[in-house]
Amino acid sequence: MLKIQIVGVVRDVEHVIKKEFNYVEKIFKNFGEVNTFLVESDSIDQTVDCLSELSRSNAHFSFKSLGVLENEIPNRYGRIAYCREVYLEYVKNLQTKLDYVVVVDLDGMNHNLTVDAVKSTLENQDRWDAVFANQAGRYYDIGALRHSIWSPIDCFAAYDWALSVADAQSAKLFGVQSKMLKIRKNAGMIAVDSAYGGLGIYKANVFKLSSYIGTDLYQNPILDFVCFNLFLSKNNYKLMIDSQLINCKYNSHNAGSTFIFKAFRNLSKSLPSTTTKSLIKRIVINLLSK
């Protein structure tokens, strides 16, 4: 029986955490013993209460709240990397021998994941050391992506450069949107230097080798998954996007080109309440994902 450790970071997920966690846990329990450890910080809603309730009702669930980090670590990349390093140390200190570590986003990114998709991925474990999800809509996580042809550099740096010579819409298209390919489900395993996409499955012995914390030449924090994954790929570990491992169809990152999302964006300009905007946004994305 496989031993699987689920880990992740969460913030302001009270509206979705229970449903999303229960769904993901149920999927992976088909393959063995599953435990979960989450790291929370900076939530302004009832996320901590929801996590506490989950830990009381599920002996295989635990979490750590780091409180407010935003003042201490103002850079968002640095803050997320710090939180991810906490669950990395947790995994390293476990006495149990693990087979896989599953890194997930639990804010609505994995509601289309299926048992059959995970089963197929695990059956091909000889082809990868770490494997990442695809989306039925356009592949969205260009920030974490590194591929020699597809996305060889930091997309946000490309966007910033394009802004110096073009308008914002053109810059966004150049740096990010043009790279959001709609990958065929039957495209197979796509070798990458880094990826994420809301779900990553790592062989446990490989997962323990890297770190999320690193800086570029200018001492700016490197995006967490880029730092973590590039170390592995540079040391000849096999990182893949599995095209059939679909975790969602649309989300707030890749839905922007759809007619219904454009209509929502125009409507939201007249809405005074951020809470109302967030609620409608979730409804729109749920409709797109049907």
C-alpha atoms as a PDB file:
ATOM      1  CA  MET A   1       0.000   0.000   0.000  1.00  0.00           C
ATOM      2  CA  LEU A   2       1.371   3.406  -0.988  1.00  0.00           C
ATOM      3  CA  LYS A   3       2.059   6.087   1.602  1.00  0.00           C
ATOM      4  CA  ILE A   4       1.133   9.528   0.306  1.00  0.00           C
ATOM      5  CA  GLN A   5       1.674  12.896   1.983  1.00  0.00           C
ATOM      6  CA  ILE A   6      -0.410  15.830   0.761  1.00  0.00           C
ATOM      7  CA  VAL A   7       0.985  19.308   1.463  1.00  0.00           C
ATOM      8  CA  GLY A   8       0.112  22.866   0.500  1.00  0.00           C
ATOM      9  CA  VAL A   9      -0.187  26.480   1.560  1.00  0.00           C
ATOM     10  CA  VAL A  10      -3.518  28.232   2.063  1.00  0.00           C
ATOM     11  CA  ARG A  11      -4.847  31.734   2.603  1.00  0.00           C
ATOM     12  CA  ASP A  12      -8.432  33.042   2.661  1.00  0.00           C
ATOM     13  CA  VAL A  13     -10.018  29.763   1.536  1.00  0.00           C
ATOM     14  CA  GLU A  14     -12.918  29.441   3.979  1.00  0.00           C
ATOM     15  CA  HIS A  15     -15.433  29.237   1.116  1.00  0.00           C
ATOM     16  CA  VAL A  16     -13.831  26.200  -0.536  1.00  0.00           C
ATOM     17  CA  ILE A  17     -11.258  24.471   1.694  1.00  0.00           C
ATOM     18  CA  LYS A  18     -13.465  21.717   3.173  1.00  0.00           C
ATOM     19  CA  LYS A  19     -15.005  20.682  -0.132  1.00  0.00           C
ATOM     20  CA  GLU A  20     -11.720  20.849  -2.029  1.00  0.00           C
ATOM     21  CA  PHE A  21      -9.709  19.010   0.620  1.00  0.00           C
ATOM     22  CA  ASN A  22     -12.285  16.245   1.011  1.00  0.00           C
ATOM     23  CA  TYR A  23     -12.389  15.780  -2.757  1.00  0.00           C
ATOM     24  CA  VAL A  24      -8.612  15.589  -3.210  1.00  0.00           C
ATOM     25  CA  GLU A  25      -8.131  13.332  -0.182  1.00  0.00           C
ATOM     26  CA  LYS A  26     -10.827  10.956  -1.450  1.00  0.00           C
ATOM     27  CA  ILE A  27      -9.076  10.700  -4.832  1.00  0.00           C
ATOM     28  CA  PHE A  28      -5.686   9.768  -3.375  1.00  0.00           C
ATOM     29  CA  LYS A  29      -7.099   7.404  -0.733  1.00  0.00           C
ATOM     30  CA  ASN A  30      -7.814   5.042  -3.632  1.00  0.00           C
ATOM     31  CA  PHE A  31      -4.067   4.405  -3.815  1.00  0.00           C
ATOM     32  CA  GLY A  32      -3.011   4.002  -0.201  1.00  0.00           C
ATOM     33  CA  GLU A  33      -2.631   5.739   3.144  1.00  0.00           C
ATOM     34  CA  VAL A  34      -3.009   9.509   2.888  1.00  0.00           C
ATOM     35  CA  ASN A  35      -2.000  12.199   5.365  1.00  0.00           C
ATOM     36  CA  THR A  36      -2.265  15.958   4.874  1.00  0.00           C
ATOM     37  CA  PHE A  37      -0.316  18.907   6.294  1.00  0.00           C
ATOM     38  CA  LEU A  38      -1.151  22.487   5.314  1.00  0.00           C
ATOM     39  CA  VAL A  39       0.532  25.788   6.124  1.00  0.00           C
ATOM     40  CA  GLU A  40      -1.616  28.890   6.545  1.00  0.00           C
ATOM     41  CA  SER A  41      -0.704  32.564   6.815  1.00  0.00           C
ATOM     42  CA  ASP A  42      -2.225  36.025   6.517  1.00  0.00           C
ATOM     43  CA  SER A  43      -5.880  34.979   6.196  1.00  0.00           C
ATOM     44  CA  ILE A  44      -8.445  37.645   6.996  1.00  0.00           C
ATOM     45  CA  ASP A  45     -11.458  35.318   6.794  1.00  0.00           C
ATOM     46  CA  GLN A  46     -12.311  32.192   8.829  1.00  0.00           C
ATOM     47  CA  THR A  47      -9.753  29.902   7.194  1.00  0.00           C
ATOM     48  CA  VAL A  48      -8.014  29.041  10.485  1.00  0.00           C
ATOM     49  CA  ASP A  49     -11.327  28.032  12.062  1.00  0.00           C
ATOM     50  CA  CYS A  50     -12.105  25.812   9.068  1.00  0.00           C
ATOM     51  CA  LEU A  51      -8.682  24.167   9.307  1.00  0.00           C
ATOM     52  CA  SER A  52      -9.152  23.615  13.047  1.00  0.00           C
ATOM     53  CA  GLU A  53     -12.481  21.936  12.392  1.00  0.00           C
ATOM     54  CA  LEU A  54     -10.916  19.669   9.773  1.00  0.00           C
ATOM     55  CA  SER A  55      -8.111  18.672  12.145  1.00  0.00           C
ATOM     56  CA  ARG A  56     -10.644  17.755  14.857  1.00  0.00           C
ATOM     57  CA  SER A  57     -12.718  15.616  12.511  1.00  0.00           C
ATOM     58  CA  ASN A  58      -9.885  13.941  10.569  1.00  0.00           C
ATOM     59  CA  ALA A  59      -6.982  12.231  12.357  1.00  0.00           C
ATOM     60  CA  HIS A  60      -4.970  12.292   9.109  1.00  0.00           C
ATOM     61  CA  PHE A  61      -5.174  16.070   8.709  1.00  0.00           C
ATOM     62  CA  SER A  62      -2.987  18.676  10.426  1.00  0.00           C
ATOM     63  CA  PHE A  63      -1.931  22.243   9.789  1.00  0.00           C
ATOM     64  CA  LYS A  64       0.248  25.056  11.054  1.00  0.00           C
ATOM     65  CA  SER A  65      -0.809  28.692  11.095  1.00  0.00           C
ATOM     66  CA  LEU A  66       2.053  31.183  10.816  1.00  0.00           C
ATOM     67  CA  GLY A  67      -0.137  34.175  11.591  1.00  0.00           C
ATOM     68  CA  VAL A  68       0.549  37.485   9.848  1.00  0.00           C
ATOM     69  CA  LEU A  69       3.740  37.395   7.763  1.00  0.00           C
ATOM     70  CA  GLU A  70       3.029  40.227   5.344  1.00  0.00           C
ATOM     71  CA  ASN A  71       4.790  42.894   7.415  1.00  0.00           C
ATOM     72  CA  GLU A  72       7.778  40.679   8.163  1.00  0.00           C
ATOM     73  CA  ILE A  73       8.077  39.322   4.593  1.00  0.00           C
ATOM     74  CA  PRO A  74       6.452  41.925   2.303  1.00  0.00           C
ATOM     75  CA  ASN A  75       7.546  40.276  -0.955  1.00  0.00           C
ATOM     76  CA  ARG A  76       4.794  37.854  -1.997  1.00  0.00           C
ATOM     77  CA  TYR A  77       7.178  35.369  -3.641  1.00  0.00           C
ATOM     78  CA  GLY A  78       9.383  35.356  -0.557  1.00  0.00           C
ATOM     79  CA  ARG A  79       6.404  34.900   1.755  1.00  0.00           C
ATOM     80  CA  ILE A  80       4.971  31.931  -0.155  1.00  0.00           C
ATOM     81  CA  ALA A  81       8.406  30.317  -0.405  1.00  0.00           C
ATOM     82  CA  TYR A  82       8.828  30.698   3.362  1.00  0.00           C
ATOM     83  CA  CYS A  83       5.490  28.952   3.944  1.00  0.00           C
ATOM     84  CA  ARG A  84       6.343  26.154   1.525  1.00  0.00           C
ATOM     85  CA  GLU A  85       9.642  25.628   3.275  1.00  0.00           C
ATOM     86  CA  VAL A  86       7.674  24.880   6.469  1.00  0.00           C
ATOM     87  CA  TYR A  87       5.883  21.912   4.907  1.00  0.00           C
ATOM     88  CA  LEU A  88       9.130  20.804   3.266  1.00  0.00           C
ATOM     89  CA  GLU A  89      10.789  20.608   6.686  1.00  0.00           C
ATOM     90  CA  TYR A  90       7.726  18.797   8.016  1.00  0.00           C
ATOM     91  CA  VAL A  91       8.113  16.119   5.339  1.00  0.00           C
ATOM     92  CA  LYS A  92      11.861  15.819   5.920  1.00  0.00           C
ATOM     93  CA  ASN A  93      11.261  15.227   9.636  1.00  0.00           C
ATOM     94  CA  LEU A  94       8.629  12.526   9.199  1.00  0.00           C
ATOM     95  CA  GLN A  95       9.653   9.131  10.524  1.00  0.00           C
ATOM     96  CA  THR A  96       7.285   7.356   8.133  1.00  0.00           C
ATOM     97  CA  LYS A  97       8.723   6.193   4.808  1.00  0.00           C
ATOM     98  CA  LEU A  98       6.765   7.915   2.049  1.00  0.00           C
ATOM     99  CA  ASP A  99       6.255   6.967  -1.576  1.00  0.00           C
ATOM    100  CA  TYR A 100       4.865  10.245  -2.906  1.00  0.00           C
ATOM    101  CA  VAL A 101       4.453  13.855  -1.839  1.00  0.00           C
ATOM    102  CA  VAL A 102       1.488  15.590  -3.461  1.00  0.00           C
ATOM    103  CA  VAL A 103       1.614  19.395  -3.520  1.00  0.00           C
ATOM    104  CA  VAL A 104      -1.822  20.923  -4.100  1.00  0.00           C
ATOM    105  CA  ASP A 105      -3.638  24.215  -4.262  1.00  0.00           C
ATOM    106  CA  LEU A 106      -6.892  23.925  -2.340  1.00  0.00           C
ATOM    107  CA  ASP A 107      -8.615  27.076  -3.562  1.00  0.00           C
ATOM    108  CA  GLY A 108     -10.701  25.493  -6.305  1.00  0.00           C
ATOM    109  CA  MET A 109      -7.983  24.286  -8.690  1.00  0.00           C
ATOM    110  CA  ASN A 110      -8.566  20.522  -8.441  1.00  0.00           C
ATOM    111  CA  HIS A 111     -12.307  19.908  -8.755  1.00  0.00           C
ATOM    112  CA  ASN A 112     -11.953  18.067 -12.100  1.00  0.00           C
ATOM    113  CA  LEU A 113      -9.276  15.634 -10.930  1.00  0.00           C
ATOM    114  CA  THR A 114     -10.282  11.975 -11.350  1.00  0.00           C
ATOM    115  CA  VAL A 115      -9.173   8.636  -9.929  1.00  0.00           C
ATOM    116  CA  ASP A 116      -8.530   7.304 -13.440  1.00  0.00           C
ATOM    117  CA  ALA A 117      -6.248  10.219 -14.306  1.00  0.00           C
ATOM    118  CA  VAL A 118      -4.168   9.792 -11.149  1.00  0.00           C
ATOM    119  CA  LYS A 119      -4.070   6.011 -11.669  1.00  0.00           C
ATOM    120  CA  SER A 120      -2.713   6.455 -15.198  1.00  0.00           C
ATOM    121  CA  THR A 121      -0.068   8.903 -13.971  1.00  0.00           C
ATOM    122  CA  LEU A 122       1.102   6.612 -11.170  1.00  0.00           C
ATOM    123  CA  GLU A 123       1.236   3.638 -13.533  1.00  0.00           C
ATOM    124  CA  ASN A 124       3.756   5.632 -15.587  1.00  0.00           C
ATOM    125  CA  GLN A 125       5.921   6.550 -12.590  1.00  0.00           C
ATOM    126  CA  ASP A 126       9.029   5.133 -14.313  1.00  0.00           C
ATOM    127  CA  ARG A 127       8.853   8.087 -16.707  1.00  0.00           C
ATOM    128  CA  TRP A 128       9.005  10.859 -14.112  1.00  0.00           C
ATOM    129  CA  ASP A 129      10.441  11.977 -10.787  1.00  0.00           C
ATOM    130  CA  ALA A 130       7.898  14.791 -10.534  1.00  0.00           C
ATOM    131  CA  VAL A 131       4.720  15.215 -12.568  1.00  0.00           C
ATOM    132  CA  PHE A 132       2.335  18.158 -12.870  1.00  0.00           C
ATOM    133  CA  ALA A 133      -1.284  18.681 -13.844  1.00  0.00           C
ATOM    134  CA  ASN A 134      -2.764  19.976 -17.074  1.00  0.00           C
ATOM    135  CA  GLN A 135      -6.017  21.900 -17.551  1.00  0.00           C
ATOM    136  CA  ALA A 136      -8.869  21.176 -19.942  1.00  0.00           C
ATOM    137  CA  GLY A 137      -8.856  24.877 -20.800  1.00  0.00           C
ATOM    138  CA  ARG A 138      -5.613  26.704 -21.551  1.00  0.00           C
ATOM    139  CA  TYR A 139      -2.590  25.768 -19.419  1.00  0.00           C
ATOM    140  CA  TYR A 140      -2.426  28.672 -16.983  1.00  0.00           C
ATOM    141  CA  ASP A 141       0.642  28.489 -14.729  1.00  0.00           C
ATOM    142  CA  ILE A 142       3.175  30.262 -16.931  1.00  0.00           C
ATOM    143  CA  GLY A 143       4.864  31.802 -13.878  1.00  0.00           C
ATOM    144  CA  ALA A 144       6.059  28.378 -12.703  1.00  0.00           C
ATOM    145  CA  LEU A 145       6.753  27.082 -16.208  1.00  0.00           C
ATOM    146  CA  ARG A 146      10.219  26.697 -17.661  1.00  0.00           C
ATOM    147  CA  HIS A 147      10.753  24.976 -21.015  1.00  0.00           C
ATOM    148  CA  SER A 148      13.533  25.699 -23.511  1.00  0.00           C
ATOM    149  CA  ILE A 149      11.079  26.605 -26.309  1.00  0.00           C
ATOM    150  CA  TRP A 150       7.690  27.116 -24.681  1.00  0.00           C
ATOM    151  CA  SER A 151       8.694  29.426 -21.813  1.00  0.00           C
ATOM    152  CA  PRO A 152      12.459  29.742 -21.362  1.00  0.00           C
ATOM    153  CA  ILE A 153      12.469  32.861 -19.157  1.00  0.00           C
ATOM    154  CA  ASP A 154      10.464  34.514 -16.386  1.00  0.00           C
ATOM    155  CA  CYS A 155       7.175  35.527 -18.032  1.00  0.00           C
ATOM    156  CA  PHE A 156       6.795  38.480 -15.664  1.00  0.00           C
ATOM    157  CA  ALA A 157      10.226  39.796 -16.673  1.00  0.00           C
ATOM    158  CA  ALA A 158       9.145  39.432 -20.309  1.00  0.00           C
ATOM    159  CA  TYR A 159       5.960  41.356 -19.505  1.00  0.00           C
ATOM    160  CA  ASP A 160       7.904  44.142 -17.771  1.00  0.00           C
ATOM    161  CA  TRP A 161      10.256  44.450 -20.749  1.00  0.00           C
ATOM    162  CA  ALA A 162       7.354  44.551 -23.217  1.00  0.00           C
ATOM    163  CA  LEU A 163       5.741  47.331 -21.188  1.00  0.00           C
ATOM    164  CA  SER A 164       8.768  49.496 -21.945  1.00  0.00           C
ATOM    165  CA  VAL A 165       8.048  49.339 -25.689  1.00  0.00           C
ATOM    166  CA  ALA A 166       4.318  48.513 -25.996  1.00  0.00           C
ATOM    167  CA  ASP A 167       0.915  49.001 -24.397  1.00  0.00           C
ATOM    168  CA  ALA A 168      -0.224  46.899 -21.419  1.00  0.00           C
ATOM    169  CA  GLN A 169      -2.503  44.617 -23.438  1.00  0.00           C
ATOM    170  CA  SER A 170       0.251  43.794 -25.935  1.00  0.00           C
ATOM    171  CA  ALA A 171       2.751  43.271 -23.109  1.00  0.00           C
ATOM    172  CA  LYS A 172       0.463  40.824 -21.333  1.00  0.00           C
ATOM    173  CA  LEU A 173      -0.128  38.925 -24.566  1.00  0.00           C
ATOM    174  CA  PHE A 174       3.610  38.789 -25.259  1.00  0.00           C
ATOM    175  CA  GLY A 175       4.749  37.810 -21.775  1.00  0.00           C
ATOM    176  CA  VAL A 176       1.988  35.551 -20.507  1.00  0.00           C
ATOM    177  CA  GLN A 177      -1.167  34.952 -22.535  1.00  0.00           C
ATOM    178  CA  SER A 178       0.513  33.774 -25.742  1.00  0.00           C
ATOM    179  CA  LYS A 179       2.112  30.943 -23.767  1.00  0.00           C
ATOM    180  CA  MET A 180      -1.200  29.657 -22.369  1.00  0.00           C
ATOM    181  CA  LEU A 181      -1.497  26.722 -24.760  1.00  0.00           C
ATOM    182  CA  LYS A 182      -4.545  24.496 -24.798  1.00  0.00           C
ATOM    183  CA  ILE A 183      -2.702  21.185 -24.540  1.00  0.00           C
ATOM    184  CA  ARG A 184      -4.288  18.150 -26.157  1.00  0.00           C
ATOM    185  CA  LYS A 185      -5.305  15.568 -23.560  1.00  0.00           C
ATOM    186  CA  ASN A 186      -3.577  12.877 -25.635  1.00  0.00           C
ATOM    187  CA  ALA A 187      -0.303  14.821 -25.980  1.00  0.00           C
ATOM    188  CA  GLY A 188       1.380  12.490 -23.465  1.00  0.00           C
ATOM    189  CA  MET A 189       4.169  13.446 -21.092  1.00  0.00           C
ATOM    190  CA  ILE A 190       5.754  16.837 -21.783  1.00  0.00           C
ATOM    191  CA  ALA A 191       9.277  17.220 -20.408  1.00  0.00           C
ATOM    192  CA  VAL A 192       9.798  20.550 -18.616  1.00  0.00           C
ATOM    193  CA  ASP A 193      12.403  22.170 -16.398  1.00  0.00           C
ATOM    194  CA  SER A 194       9.680  23.510 -14.090  1.00  0.00           C
ATOM    195  CA  ALA A 195       5.887  23.555 -13.838  1.00  0.00           C
ATOM    196  CA  TYR A 196       3.080  23.357 -11.308  1.00  0.00           C
ATOM    197  CA  GLY A 197      -0.498  24.102 -12.366  1.00  0.00           C
ATOM    198  CA  GLY A 198      -2.134  23.549  -8.991  1.00  0.00           C
ATOM    199  CA  LEU A 199      -1.055  19.911  -8.541  1.00  0.00           C
ATOM    200  CA  GLY A 200       2.366  18.291  -8.428  1.00  0.00           C
ATOM    201  CA  ILE A 201       3.230  14.695  -7.514  1.00  0.00           C
ATOM    202  CA  TYR A 202       6.832  14.120  -6.444  1.00  0.00           C
ATOM    203  CA  LYS A 203       8.628  10.918  -5.593  1.00  0.00           C
ATOM    204  CA  ALA A 204       9.302  11.427  -1.901  1.00  0.00           C
ATOM    205  CA  ASN A 205      13.053  10.830  -2.043  1.00  0.00           C
ATOM    206  CA  VAL A 206      13.361  13.455  -4.800  1.00  0.00           C
ATOM    207  CA  PHE A 207      11.075  15.978  -3.085  1.00  0.00           C
ATOM    208  CA  LYS A 208      13.331  16.131  -0.026  1.00  0.00           C
ATOM    209  CA  LEU A 209      16.371  17.230  -2.049  1.00  0.00           C
ATOM    210  CA  SER A 210      15.397  20.765  -3.002  1.00  0.00           C
ATOM    211  CA  SER A 211      14.353  24.097  -1.488  1.00  0.00           C
ATOM    212  CA  TYR A 212      11.799  26.776  -2.328  1.00  0.00           C
ATOM    213  CA  ILE A 213      13.980  29.657  -1.167  1.00  0.00           C
ATOM    214  CA  GLY A 214      16.376  31.339  -3.581  1.00  0.00           C
ATOM    215  CA  THR A 215      17.229  34.735  -5.063  1.00  0.00           C
ATOM    216  CA  ASP A 216      18.181  36.016  -8.505  1.00  0.00           C
ATOM    217  CA  LEU A 217      21.262  38.049  -9.391  1.00  0.00           C
ATOM    218  CA  TYR A 218      19.609  41.155  -7.952  1.00  0.00           C
ATOM    219  CA  GLN A 219      18.737  39.397  -4.661  1.00  0.00           C
ATOM    220  CA  ASN A 220      15.031  39.298  -5.499  1.00  0.00           C
ATOM    221  CA  PRO A 221      13.171  36.149  -4.410  1.00  0.00           C
ATOM    222  CA  ILE A 222      12.728  33.598  -7.210  1.00  0.00           C
ATOM    223  CA  LEU A 223       9.225  32.202  -7.701  1.00  0.00           C
ATOM    224  CA  ASP A 224       8.873  29.272  -5.297  1.00  0.00           C
ATOM    225  CA  PHE A 225       8.288  26.422  -7.767  1.00  0.00           C
ATOM    226  CA  VAL A 226      10.847  27.712 -10.241  1.00  0.00           C
ATOM    227  CA  CYS A 227      13.513  27.682  -7.554  1.00  0.00           C
ATOM    228  CA  PHE A 228      12.454  24.249  -6.297  1.00  0.00           C
ATOM    229  CA  ASN A 229      12.060  22.551  -9.674  1.00  0.00           C
ATOM    230  CA  LEU A 230      15.066  23.990 -11.509  1.00  0.00           C
ATOM    231  CA  PHE A 231      17.357  22.490  -8.889  1.00  0.00           C
ATOM    232  CA  LEU A 232      15.864  19.082  -9.622  1.00  0.00           C
ATOM    233  CA  SER A 233      15.939  19.385 -13.403  1.00  0.00           C
ATOM    234  CA  LYS A 234      19.521  20.680 -13.349  1.00  0.00           C
ATOM    235  CA  ASN A 235      20.429  17.553 -11.408  1.00  0.00           C
ATOM    236  CA  ASN A 236      18.923  15.349 -14.122  1.00  0.00           C
ATOM    237  CA  TYR A 237      15.665  14.449 -12.438  1.00  0.00           C
ATOM    238  CA  LYS A 238      12.750  13.982 -14.836  1.00  0.00           C
ATOM    239  CA  LEU A 239       9.987  16.610 -14.563  1.00  0.00           C
ATOM    240  CA  MET A 240       6.859  16.234 -16.698  1.00  0.00           C
ATOM    241  CA  ILE A 241       3.463  17.746 -17.365  1.00  0.00           C
ATOM    242  CA  ASP A 242       1.095  14.811 -17.880  1.00  0.00           C
ATOM    243  CA  SER A 243      -1.415  16.007 -20.463  1.00  0.00           C
ATOM    244  CA  GLN A 244      -4.143  13.601 -19.291  1.00  0.00           C
ATOM    245  CA  LEU A 245      -3.788  14.599 -15.618  1.00  0.00           C
ATOM    246  CA  ILE A 246      -6.545  17.218 -15.785  1.00  0.00           C
ATOM    247  CA  ASN A 247      -7.221  19.005 -12.491  1.00  0.00           C
ATOM    248  CA  CYS A 248      -9.548  21.780 -13.680  1.00  0.00           C
ATOM    249  CA  LYS A 249     -10.962  23.380 -16.791  1.00  0.00           C
ATOM    250  CA  TYR A 250     -11.032  27.105 -16.070  1.00  0.00           C
ATOM    251  CA  ASN A 251      -9.859  29.282 -13.203  1.00  0.00           C
ATOM    252  CA  SER A 252      -9.265  32.982 -12.607  1.00  0.00           C
ATOM    253  CA  HIS A 253      -5.981  32.796 -14.545  1.00  0.00           C
ATOM    254  CA  ASN A 254      -7.041  31.158 -17.807  1.00  0.00           C
ATOM    255  CA  ALA A 255     -10.702  32.206 -18.090  1.00  0.00           C
ATOM    256  CA  GLY A 256      -9.981  35.773 -19.139  1.00  0.00           C
ATOM    257  CA  SER A 257     -10.419  35.179 -22.874  1.00  0.00           C
ATOM    258  CA  THR A 258     -13.917  33.690 -22.588  1.00  0.00           C
ATOM    259  CA  PHE A 259     -16.971  35.782 -23.445  1.00  0.00           C
ATOM    260  CA  ILE A 260     -18.705  35.180 -20.106  1.00  0.00           C
ATOM    261  CA  PHE A 261     -15.618  36.204 -18.111  1.00  0.00           C
ATOM    262  CA  LYS A 262     -15.180  39.365 -20.167  1.00  0.00           C
ATOM    263  CA  ALA A 263     -18.823  40.198 -19.458  1.00  0.00           C
ATOM    264  CA  PHE A 264     -18.232  39.648 -15.729  1.00  0.00           C
ATOM    265  CA  ARG A 265     -15.184  41.903 -15.811  1.00  0.00           C
ATOM    266  CA  ASN A 266     -17.177  44.716 -17.391  1.00  0.00           C
ATOM    267  CA  LEU A 267     -20.016  44.233 -14.891  1.00  0.00           C
ATOM    268  CA  SER A 268     -17.677  44.140 -11.890  1.00  0.00           C
ATOM    269  CA  LYS A 269     -16.423  47.660 -12.614  1.00  0.00           C
ATOM    270  CA  SER A 270     -19.727  49.009 -11.302  1.00  0.00           C
ATOM    271  CA  LEU A 271     -19.795  46.804  -8.178  1.00  0.00           C
ATOM    272  CA  PRO A 272     -18.622  48.537  -4.977  1.00  0.00           C
ATOM    273  CA  SER A 273     -18.148  45.389  -2.895  1.00  0.00           C
ATOM    274  CA  THR A 274     -15.034  43.247  -3.237  1.00  0.00           C
ATOM    275  CA  THR A 275     -16.892  40.401  -1.533  1.00  0.00           C
ATOM    276  CA  THR A 276     -19.675  40.561  -4.117  1.00  0.00           C
ATOM    277  CA  LYS A 277     -17.128  40.626  -6.938  1.00  0.00           C
ATOM    278  CA  SER A 278     -15.380  37.549  -5.528  1.00  0.00           C
ATOM    279  CA  LEU A 279     -18.668  35.674  -5.188  1.00  0.00           C
ATOM    280  CA  ILE A 280     -19.742  36.427  -8.763  1.00  0.00           C
ATOM    281  CA  LYS A 281     -16.268  35.542 -10.028  1.00  0.00           C
ATOM    282  CA  ARG A 282     -16.499  32.107  -8.368  1.00  0.00           C
ATOM    283  CA  ILE A 283     -19.957  31.559  -9.873  1.00  0.00           C
ATOM    284  CA  VAL A 284     -18.709  32.476 -13.360  1.00  0.00           C
ATOM    285  CA  ILE A 285     -15.722  30.129 -13.114  1.00  0.00           C
ATOM    286  CA  ASN A 286     -17.958  27.308 -11.829  1.00  0.00           C
ATOM    287  CA  LEU A 287     -20.257  27.832 -14.819  1.00  0.00           C
ATOM    288  CA  LEU A 288     -17.305  27.696 -17.208  1.00  0.00           C
ATOM    289  CA  SER A 289     -16.107  24.475 -15.594  1.00  0.00           C
ATOM    290  CA  LYS A 290     -19.353  22.550 -16.111  1.00  0.00           C
END
